[in-house]
C-alpha cells in the first residue's frame, strides 16, 4: 500500500468540480489527489512550494561549497569589508 503524505485528500473528480473550495478547506496544507484511492498528485500551496524550492536550492549550493572546499586547493582568506 502506498502511503498518503498529506492530511487532506481529494479525488480528481472533486478537484475538477471545485478546486478553490479544496484549497480553502485545506488552508496552507498539502492535498493528496487520489485516483482510485491511490495518490496520483499532490496539490501544494504556493508558499510551501516556494519554501521547498529554497531548501532544494540551499542544498545544491551546499554541495557546491563542499565540493569546492574538498578540491585540494588552498583556501584564500578574504575580509568581507575588503569586498
PDB file of N, CA and C in Angstrom:
ATOM      1  N   UNK A   1       0.836  -1.179   0.000  1.00  0.00           N
ATOM      2  CA  UNK A   1       0.000   0.000   0.000  1.00  0.00           C
ATOM      3  C   UNK A   1       0.887   1.250   0.000  1.00  0.00           C
ATOM      4  N   UNK A   2       0.562   2.179  -0.839  1.00  0.00           N
ATOM      5  CA  UNK A   2       1.333   3.421  -0.964  1.00  0.00           C
ATOM      6  C   UNK A   2       0.879   4.423   0.110  1.00  0.00           C
ATOM      7  N   UNK A   3       1.828   5.004   0.865  1.00  0.00           N
ATOM      8  CA  UNK A   3       1.420   5.966   1.902  1.00  0.00           C
ATOM      9  C   UNK A   3       0.895   7.261   1.287  1.00  0.00           C
ATOM     10  N   UNK A   4      -0.008   7.901   2.010  1.00  0.00           N
ATOM     11  CA  UNK A   4      -0.524   9.206   1.606  1.00  0.00           C
ATOM     12  C   UNK A   4       0.173  10.239   2.476  1.00  0.00           C
ATOM     13  N   UNK A   5       0.958  11.106   1.852  1.00  0.00           N
ATOM     14  CA  UNK A   5       1.799  12.054   2.582  1.00  0.00           C
ATOM     15  C   UNK A   5       1.120  13.420   2.707  1.00  0.00           C
ATOM     16  N   UNK A   6      -0.131  13.414   3.127  1.00  0.00           N
ATOM     17  CA  UNK A   6      -0.877  14.662   3.295  1.00  0.00           C
ATOM     18  C   UNK A   6      -2.005  14.427   4.288  1.00  0.00           C
ATOM     19  N   UNK A   7      -2.405  15.488   4.959  1.00  0.00           N
ATOM     20  CA  UNK A   7      -3.530  15.402   5.895  1.00  0.00           C
ATOM     21  C   UNK A   7      -4.873  15.525   5.194  1.00  0.00           C
ATOM     22  N   UNK A   8      -4.872  16.063   3.980  1.00  0.00           N
ATOM     23  CA  UNK A   8      -6.098  16.254   3.208  1.00  0.00           C
ATOM     24  C   UNK A   8      -6.009  15.452   1.920  1.00  0.00           C
ATOM     25  N   UNK A   9      -7.146  14.890   1.517  1.00  0.00           N
ATOM     26  CA  UNK A   9      -7.207  14.157   0.262  1.00  0.00           C
ATOM     27  C   UNK A   9      -8.431  14.599  -0.530  1.00  0.00           C
ATOM     28  N   UNK A  10      -8.357  14.410  -1.838  1.00  0.00           N
ATOM     29  CA  UNK A  10      -9.485  14.686  -2.719  1.00  0.00           C
ATOM     30  C   UNK A  10      -9.325  13.831  -3.964  1.00  0.00           C
ATOM     31  N   UNK A  11     -10.446  13.488  -4.547  1.00  0.00           N
ATOM     32  CA  UNK A  11     -10.401  12.736  -5.798  1.00  0.00           C
ATOM     33  C   UNK A  11     -10.170  13.713  -6.951  1.00  0.00           C
ATOM     34  N   UNK A  12      -9.796  13.169  -8.091  1.00  0.00           N
ATOM     35  CA  UNK A  12      -9.630  14.002  -9.282  1.00  0.00           C
ATOM     36  C   UNK A  12     -10.959  14.661  -9.639  1.00  0.00           C
ATOM     37  N   UNK A  13     -12.051  13.936  -9.450  1.00  0.00           N
ATOM     38  CA  UNK A  13     -13.384  14.486  -9.731  1.00  0.00           C
ATOM     39  C   UNK A  13     -13.670  15.687  -8.841  1.00  0.00           C
ATOM     40  N   UNK A  14     -13.349  15.580  -7.540  1.00  0.00           N
ATOM     41  CA  UNK A  14     -13.542  16.705  -6.620  1.00  0.00           C
ATOM     42  C   UNK A  14     -12.684  17.899  -7.031  1.00  0.00           C
ATOM     43  N   UNK A  15     -11.466  17.618  -7.476  1.00  0.00           N
ATOM     44  CA  UNK A  15     -10.570  18.685  -7.911  1.00  0.00           C
ATOM     45  C   UNK A  15     -11.148  19.409  -9.120  1.00  0.00           C
ATOM     46  N   UNK A  16     -11.690  18.650 -10.070  1.00  0.00           N
ATOM     47  CA  UNK A  16     -12.295  19.257 -11.261  1.00  0.00           C
ATOM     48  C   UNK A  16     -13.510  20.111 -10.893  1.00  0.00           C
ATOM     49  N   UNK A  17     -14.324  19.613  -9.947  1.00  0.00           N
ATOM     50  CA  UNK A  17     -15.559  20.307  -9.566  1.00  0.00           C
ATOM     51  C   UNK A  17     -15.292  21.647  -8.909  1.00  0.00           C
ATOM     52  N   UNK A  18     -14.418  21.646  -7.909  1.00  0.00           N
ATOM     53  CA  UNK A  18     -14.252  22.867  -7.115  1.00  0.00           C
ATOM     54  C   UNK A  18     -12.845  22.989  -6.533  1.00  0.00           C
ATOM     55  N   UNK A  19     -11.878  23.343  -7.374  1.00  0.00           N
ATOM     56  CA  UNK A  19     -10.503  23.472  -6.867  1.00  0.00           C
ATOM     57  C   UNK A  19     -10.365  24.550  -5.791  1.00  0.00           C
ATOM     58  N   UNK A  20     -11.085  25.649  -5.951  1.00  0.00           N
ATOM     59  CA  UNK A  20     -10.990  26.732  -4.962  1.00  0.00           C
ATOM     60  C   UNK A  20     -11.509  26.283  -3.611  1.00  0.00           C
ATOM     61  N   UNK A  21     -12.590  25.537  -3.604  1.00  0.00           N
ATOM     62  CA  UNK A  21     -13.152  25.038  -2.353  1.00  0.00           C
ATOM     63  C   UNK A  21     -12.167  24.096  -1.658  1.00  0.00           C
ATOM     64  N   UNK A  22     -11.496  23.249  -2.428  1.00  0.00           N
ATOM     65  CA  UNK A  22     -10.486  22.352  -1.851  1.00  0.00           C
ATOM     66  C   UNK A  22      -9.350  23.142  -1.222  1.00  0.00           C
ATOM     67  N   UNK A  23      -8.842  24.128  -1.961  1.00  0.00           N
ATOM     68  CA  UNK A  23      -7.735  24.939  -1.446  1.00  0.00           C
ATOM     69  C   UNK A  23      -8.139  25.680  -0.186  1.00  0.00           C
ATOM     70  N   UNK A  24      -9.337  26.246  -0.175  1.00  0.00           N
ATOM     71  CA  UNK A  24      -9.811  26.972   1.005  1.00  0.00           C
ATOM     72  C   UNK A  24      -9.973  26.030   2.193  1.00  0.00           C
ATOM     73  N   UNK A  25     -10.462  24.826   1.935  1.00  0.00           N
ATOM     74  CA  UNK A  25     -10.667  23.859   3.013  1.00  0.00           C
ATOM     75  C   UNK A  25      -9.369  23.366   3.631  1.00  0.00           C
ATOM     76  N   UNK A  26      -8.341  23.245   2.826  1.00  0.00           N
ATOM     77  CA  UNK A  26      -7.062  22.731   3.321  1.00  0.00           C
ATOM     78  C   UNK A  26      -6.189  23.827   3.924  1.00  0.00           C
ATOM     79  N   UNK A  27      -6.495  25.074   3.617  1.00  0.00           N
ATOM     80  CA  UNK A  27      -5.672  26.176   4.133  1.00  0.00           C
ATOM     81  C   UNK A  27      -4.281  26.121   3.549  1.00  0.00           C
ATOM     82  N   UNK A  28      -3.279  26.050   4.409  1.00  0.00           N
ATOM     83  CA  UNK A  28      -1.879  26.018   3.972  1.00  0.00           C
ATOM     84  C   UNK A  28      -1.322  24.594   3.919  1.00  0.00           C
ATOM     85  N   UNK A  29      -2.206  23.616   3.888  1.00  0.00           N
ATOM     86  CA  UNK A  29      -1.794  22.215   3.895  1.00  0.00           C
ATOM     87  C   UNK A  29      -1.770  21.633   2.479  1.00  0.00           C
ATOM     88  N   UNK A  30      -1.006  20.584   2.321  1.00  0.00           N
ATOM     89  CA  UNK A  30      -0.913  19.848   1.060  1.00  0.00           C
ATOM     90  C   UNK A  30      -2.155  18.968   0.906  1.00  0.00           C
ATOM     91  N   UNK A  31      -2.615  18.822  -0.329  1.00  0.00           N
ATOM     92  CA  UNK A  31      -3.752  17.951  -0.621  1.00  0.00           C
ATOM     93  C   UNK A  31      -3.266  16.818  -1.527  1.00  0.00           C
ATOM     94  N   UNK A  32      -3.502  15.585  -1.116  1.00  0.00           N
ATOM     95  CA  UNK A  32      -3.189  14.435  -1.964  1.00  0.00           C
ATOM     96  C   UNK A  32      -4.368  14.237  -2.914  1.00  0.00           C
ATOM     97  N   UNK A  33      -4.077  14.214  -4.209  1.00  0.00           N
ATOM     98  CA  UNK A  33      -5.103  13.973  -5.215  1.00  0.00           C
ATOM     99  C   UNK A  33      -5.089  12.480  -5.523  1.00  0.00           C
ATOM    100  N   UNK A  34      -6.231  11.835  -5.295  1.00  0.00           N
ATOM    101  CA  UNK A  34      -6.312  10.387  -5.420  1.00  0.00           C
ATOM    102  C   UNK A  34      -6.993   9.974  -6.716  1.00  0.00           C
ATOM    103  N   UNK A  35      -6.466   8.912  -7.300  1.00  0.00           N
ATOM    104  CA  UNK A  35      -7.073   8.272  -8.456  1.00  0.00           C
ATOM    105  C   UNK A  35      -7.256   6.809  -8.075  1.00  0.00           C
ATOM    106  N   UNK A  36      -8.496   6.360  -7.919  1.00  0.00           N
ATOM    107  CA  UNK A  36      -8.803   5.005  -7.447  1.00  0.00           C
ATOM    108  C   UNK A  36      -8.139   4.755  -6.093  1.00  0.00           C
ATOM    109  N   UNK A  37      -8.248   5.748  -5.204  1.00  0.00           N
ATOM    110  CA  UNK A  37      -7.715   5.689  -3.831  1.00  0.00           C
ATOM    111  C   UNK A  37      -6.204   5.542  -3.743  1.00  0.00           C
ATOM    112  N   UNK A  38      -5.519   5.905  -4.804  1.00  0.00           N
ATOM    113  CA  UNK A  38      -4.049   5.899  -4.815  1.00  0.00           C
ATOM    114  C   UNK A  38      -3.594   7.318  -5.156  1.00  0.00           C
ATOM    115  N   UNK A  39      -2.640   7.871  -4.391  1.00  0.00           N
ATOM    116  CA  UNK A  39      -2.172   9.228  -4.696  1.00  0.00           C
ATOM    117  C   UNK A  39      -1.588   9.315  -6.107  1.00  0.00           C
ATOM    118  N   UNK A  40      -2.102  10.239  -6.893  1.00  0.00           N
ATOM    119  CA  UNK A  40      -1.576  10.436  -8.243  1.00  0.00           C
ATOM    120  C   UNK A  40      -0.875  11.783  -8.371  1.00  0.00           C
ATOM    121  N   UNK A  41      -1.145  12.682  -7.413  1.00  0.00           N
ATOM    122  CA  UNK A  41      -0.514  14.005  -7.419  1.00  0.00           C
ATOM    123  C   UNK A  41      -0.694  14.635  -6.043  1.00  0.00           C
ATOM    124  N   UNK A  42       0.095  15.657  -5.810  1.00  0.00           N
ATOM    125  CA  UNK A  42      -0.053  16.445  -4.588  1.00  0.00           C
ATOM    126  C   UNK A  42      -0.240  17.900  -4.982  1.00  0.00           C
ATOM    127  N   UNK A  43      -1.231  18.525  -4.407  1.00  0.00           N
ATOM    128  CA  UNK A  43      -1.509  19.937  -4.636  1.00  0.00           C
ATOM    129  C   UNK A  43      -0.869  20.696  -3.478  1.00  0.00           C
ATOM    130  N   UNK A  44       0.160  21.475  -3.808  1.00  0.00           N
ATOM    131  CA  UNK A  44       0.967  22.142  -2.781  1.00  0.00           C
ATOM    132  C   UNK A  44       0.716  23.644  -2.849  1.00  0.00           C
ATOM    133  N   UNK A  45       0.379  24.278  -1.703  1.00  0.00           N
ATOM    134  CA  UNK A  45       0.199  25.736  -1.702  1.00  0.00           C
ATOM    135  C   UNK A  45       1.475  26.452  -2.151  1.00  0.00           C
ATOM    136  N   UNK A  46       1.310  27.587  -2.797  1.00  0.00           N
ATOM    137  CA  UNK A  46       2.452  28.288  -3.398  1.00  0.00           C
ATOM    138  C   UNK A  46       3.518  28.662  -2.373  1.00  0.00           C
ATOM    139  N   UNK A  47       3.130  29.104  -1.189  1.00  0.00           N
ATOM    140  CA  UNK A  47       4.136  29.476  -0.177  1.00  0.00           C
ATOM    141  C   UNK A  47       4.977  28.279   0.238  1.00  0.00           C
ATOM    142  N   UNK A  48       4.333  27.134   0.392  1.00  0.00           N
ATOM    143  CA  UNK A  48       5.069  25.926   0.761  1.00  0.00           C
ATOM    144  C   UNK A  48       5.975  25.486  -0.384  1.00  0.00           C
ATOM    145  N   UNK A  49       5.483  25.569  -1.611  1.00  0.00           N
ATOM    146  CA  UNK A  49       6.295  25.204  -2.777  1.00  0.00           C
ATOM    147  C   UNK A  49       7.533  26.095  -2.860  1.00  0.00           C
ATOM    148  N   UNK A  50       7.352  27.403  -2.663  1.00  0.00           N
ATOM    149  CA  UNK A  50       8.494  28.331  -2.700  1.00  0.00           C
ATOM    150  C   UNK A  50       9.503  27.990  -1.611  1.00  0.00           C
ATOM    151  N   UNK A  51       9.010  27.634  -0.418  1.00  0.00           N
ATOM    152  CA  UNK A  51       9.914  27.253   0.675  1.00  0.00           C
ATOM    153  C   UNK A  51      10.672  25.975   0.315  1.00  0.00           C
ATOM    154  N   UNK A  52       9.973  25.003  -0.280  1.00  0.00           N
ATOM    155  CA  UNK A  52      10.621  23.763  -0.702  1.00  0.00           C
ATOM    156  C   UNK A  52      11.712  24.041  -1.730  1.00  0.00           C
ATOM    157  N   UNK A  53      11.433  24.921  -2.674  1.00  0.00           N
ATOM    158  CA  UNK A  53      12.427  25.252  -3.697  1.00  0.00           C
ATOM    159  C   UNK A  53      13.637  25.945  -3.080  1.00  0.00           C
ATOM    160  N   UNK A  54      13.420  26.815  -2.091  1.00  0.00           N
ATOM    161  CA  UNK A  54      14.539  27.456  -1.392  1.00  0.00           C
ATOM    162  C   UNK A  54      15.410  26.416  -0.691  1.00  0.00           C
ATOM    163  N   UNK A  55      14.774  25.445  -0.052  1.00  0.00           N
ATOM    164  CA  UNK A  55      15.520  24.386   0.639  1.00  0.00           C
ATOM    165  C   UNK A  55      16.341  23.578  -0.358  1.00  0.00           C
ATOM    166  N   UNK A  56      15.736  23.248  -1.495  1.00  0.00           N
ATOM    167  CA  UNK A  56      16.452  22.481  -2.524  1.00  0.00           C
ATOM    168  C   UNK A  56      17.622  23.291  -3.079  1.00  0.00           C
ATOM    169  N   UNK A  57      17.398  24.586  -3.338  1.00  0.00           N
ATOM    170  CA  UNK A  57      18.478  25.452  -3.822  1.00  0.00           C
ATOM    171  C   UNK A  57      19.619  25.519  -2.810  1.00  0.00           C
ATOM    172  N   UNK A  58      19.272  25.682  -1.528  1.00  0.00           N
ATOM    173  CA  UNK A  58      20.295  25.728  -0.480  1.00  0.00           C
ATOM    174  C   UNK A  58      21.080  24.421  -0.416  1.00  0.00           C
ATOM    175  N   UNK A  59      20.381  23.309  -0.570  1.00  0.00           N
ATOM    176  CA  UNK A  59      21.041  22.007  -0.552  1.00  0.00           C
ATOM    177  C   UNK A  59      22.048  21.892  -1.694  1.00  0.00           C
ATOM    178  N   UNK A  60      21.632  22.263  -2.898  1.00  0.00           N
ATOM    179  CA  UNK A  60      22.549  22.179  -4.043  1.00  0.00           C
ATOM    180  C   UNK A  60      23.731  23.138  -3.878  1.00  0.00           C
ATOM    181  N   UNK A  61      23.476  24.310  -3.324  1.00  0.00           N
ATOM    182  CA  UNK A  61      24.561  25.252  -3.055  1.00  0.00           C
ATOM    183  C   UNK A  61      25.536  24.670  -2.034  1.00  0.00           C
ATOM    184  N   UNK A  62      25.013  24.002  -1.004  1.00  0.00           N
ATOM    185  CA  UNK A  62      25.903  23.401   0.000  1.00  0.00           C
ATOM    186  C   UNK A  62      26.761  22.299  -0.614  1.00  0.00           C
ATOM    187  N   UNK A  63      26.207  21.562  -1.586  1.00  0.00           N
ATOM    188  CA  UNK A  63      27.005  20.546  -2.276  1.00  0.00           C
ATOM    189  C   UNK A  63      28.147  21.180  -3.057  1.00  0.00           C
ATOM    190  N   UNK A  64      27.873  22.308  -3.711  1.00  0.00           N
ATOM    191  CA  UNK A  64      28.917  23.018  -4.462  1.00  0.00           C
ATOM    192  C   UNK A  64      29.990  23.551  -3.523  1.00  0.00           C
ATOM    193  N   UNK A  65      29.577  24.083  -2.387  1.00  0.00           N
ATOM    194  CA  UNK A  65      30.538  24.598  -1.403  1.00  0.00           C
ATOM    195  C   UNK A  65      31.404  23.454  -0.892  1.00  0.00           C
ATOM    196  N   UNK A  66      30.776  22.335  -0.545  1.00  0.00           N
ATOM    197  CA  UNK A  66      31.512  21.171  -0.050  1.00  0.00           C
ATOM    198  C   UNK A  66      32.510  20.670  -1.093  1.00  0.00           C
ATOM    199  N   UNK A  67      32.076  20.625  -2.345  1.00  0.00           N
ATOM    200  CA  UNK A  67      32.959  20.181  -3.424  1.00  0.00           C
ATOM    201  C   UNK A  67      34.141  21.145  -3.562  1.00  0.00           C
ATOM    202  N   UNK A  68      33.873  22.422  -3.461  1.00  0.00           N
ATOM    203  CA  UNK A  68      34.916  23.425  -3.592  1.00  0.00           C
ATOM    204  C   UNK A  68      35.911  23.353  -2.424  1.00  0.00           C
ATOM    205  N   UNK A  69      35.392  23.103  -1.232  1.00  0.00           N
ATOM    206  CA  UNK A  69      36.262  23.015  -0.058  1.00  0.00           C
ATOM    207  C   UNK A  69      37.149  21.773  -0.090  1.00  0.00           C
ATOM    208  N   UNK A  70      36.695  20.751  -0.775  1.00  0.00           N
ATOM    209  CA  UNK A  70      37.433  19.486  -0.809  1.00  0.00           C
ATOM    210  C   UNK A  70      38.173  19.249  -2.120  1.00  0.00           C
ATOM    211  N   UNK A  71      38.395  20.293  -2.920  1.00  0.00           N
ATOM    212  CA  UNK A  71      39.042  20.095  -4.224  1.00  0.00           C
ATOM    213  C   UNK A  71      40.563  20.093  -4.144  1.00  0.00           C
ATOM    214  N   UNK A  72      41.119  20.273  -2.942  1.00  0.00           N
ATOM    215  CA  UNK A  72      42.564  20.217  -2.779  1.00  0.00           C
ATOM    216  C   UNK A  72      43.257  21.560  -2.880  1.00  0.00           C
ATOM    217  N   UNK A  73      42.583  22.579  -3.375  1.00  0.00           N
ATOM    218  CA  UNK A  73      43.178  23.913  -3.446  1.00  0.00           C
ATOM    219  C   UNK A  73      43.211  24.540  -2.060  1.00  0.00           C
ATOM    220  N   UNK A  74      44.246  25.373  -1.840  1.00  0.00           N
ATOM    221  CA  UNK A  74      44.368  26.056  -0.566  1.00  0.00           C
ATOM    222  C   UNK A  74      43.356  27.216  -0.525  1.00  0.00           C
ATOM    223  N   UNK A  75      42.555  27.299   0.550  1.00  0.00           N
ATOM    224  CA  UNK A  75      41.571  28.385   0.641  1.00  0.00           C
ATOM    225  C   UNK A  75      42.245  29.749   0.720  1.00  0.00           C
ATOM    226  N   UNK A  76      41.593  30.761   0.210  1.00  0.00           N
ATOM    227  CA  UNK A  76      42.087  32.132   0.262  1.00  0.00           C
ATOM    228  C   UNK A  76      41.261  32.872   1.291  1.00  0.00           C
ATOM    229  N   UNK A  77      41.935  33.487   2.273  1.00  0.00           N
ATOM    230  CA  UNK A  77      41.237  34.233   3.313  1.00  0.00           C
ATOM    231  C   UNK A  77      40.815  35.591   2.758  1.00  0.00           C
ATOM    232  N   UNK A  78      39.545  35.949   2.944  1.00  0.00           N
ATOM    233  CA  UNK A  78      39.007  37.193   2.424  1.00  0.00           C
ATOM    234  C   UNK A  78      38.279  37.918   3.543  1.00  0.00           C
ATOM    235  N   UNK A  79      38.484  39.208   3.633  1.00  0.00           N
ATOM    236  CA  UNK A  79      37.764  40.040   4.592  1.00  0.00           C
ATOM    237  C   UNK A  79      36.570  40.637   3.860  1.00  0.00           C
ATOM    238  N   UNK A  80      35.378  40.466   4.383  1.00  0.00           N
ATOM    239  CA  UNK A  80      34.172  40.972   3.743  1.00  0.00           C
ATOM    240  C   UNK A  80      34.209  42.490   3.541  1.00  0.00           C
ATOM    241  N   UNK A  81      34.867  43.209   4.445  1.00  0.00           N
ATOM    242  CA  UNK A  81      34.971  44.670   4.314  1.00  0.00           C
ATOM    243  C   UNK A  81      35.804  45.068   3.110  1.00  0.00           C
ATOM    244  N   UNK A  82      36.704  44.192   2.681  1.00  0.00           N
ATOM    245  CA  UNK A  82      37.548  44.489   1.525  1.00  0.00           C
ATOM    246  C   UNK A  82      36.822  44.277   0.197  1.00  0.00           C
ATOM    247  N   UNK A  83      35.698  43.595   0.239  1.00  0.00           N
ATOM    248  CA  UNK A  83      34.956  43.330  -0.987  1.00  0.00           C
ATOM    249  C   UNK A  83      34.172  44.559  -1.310  1.00  0.00           C
TER     250      UNK A  83
END
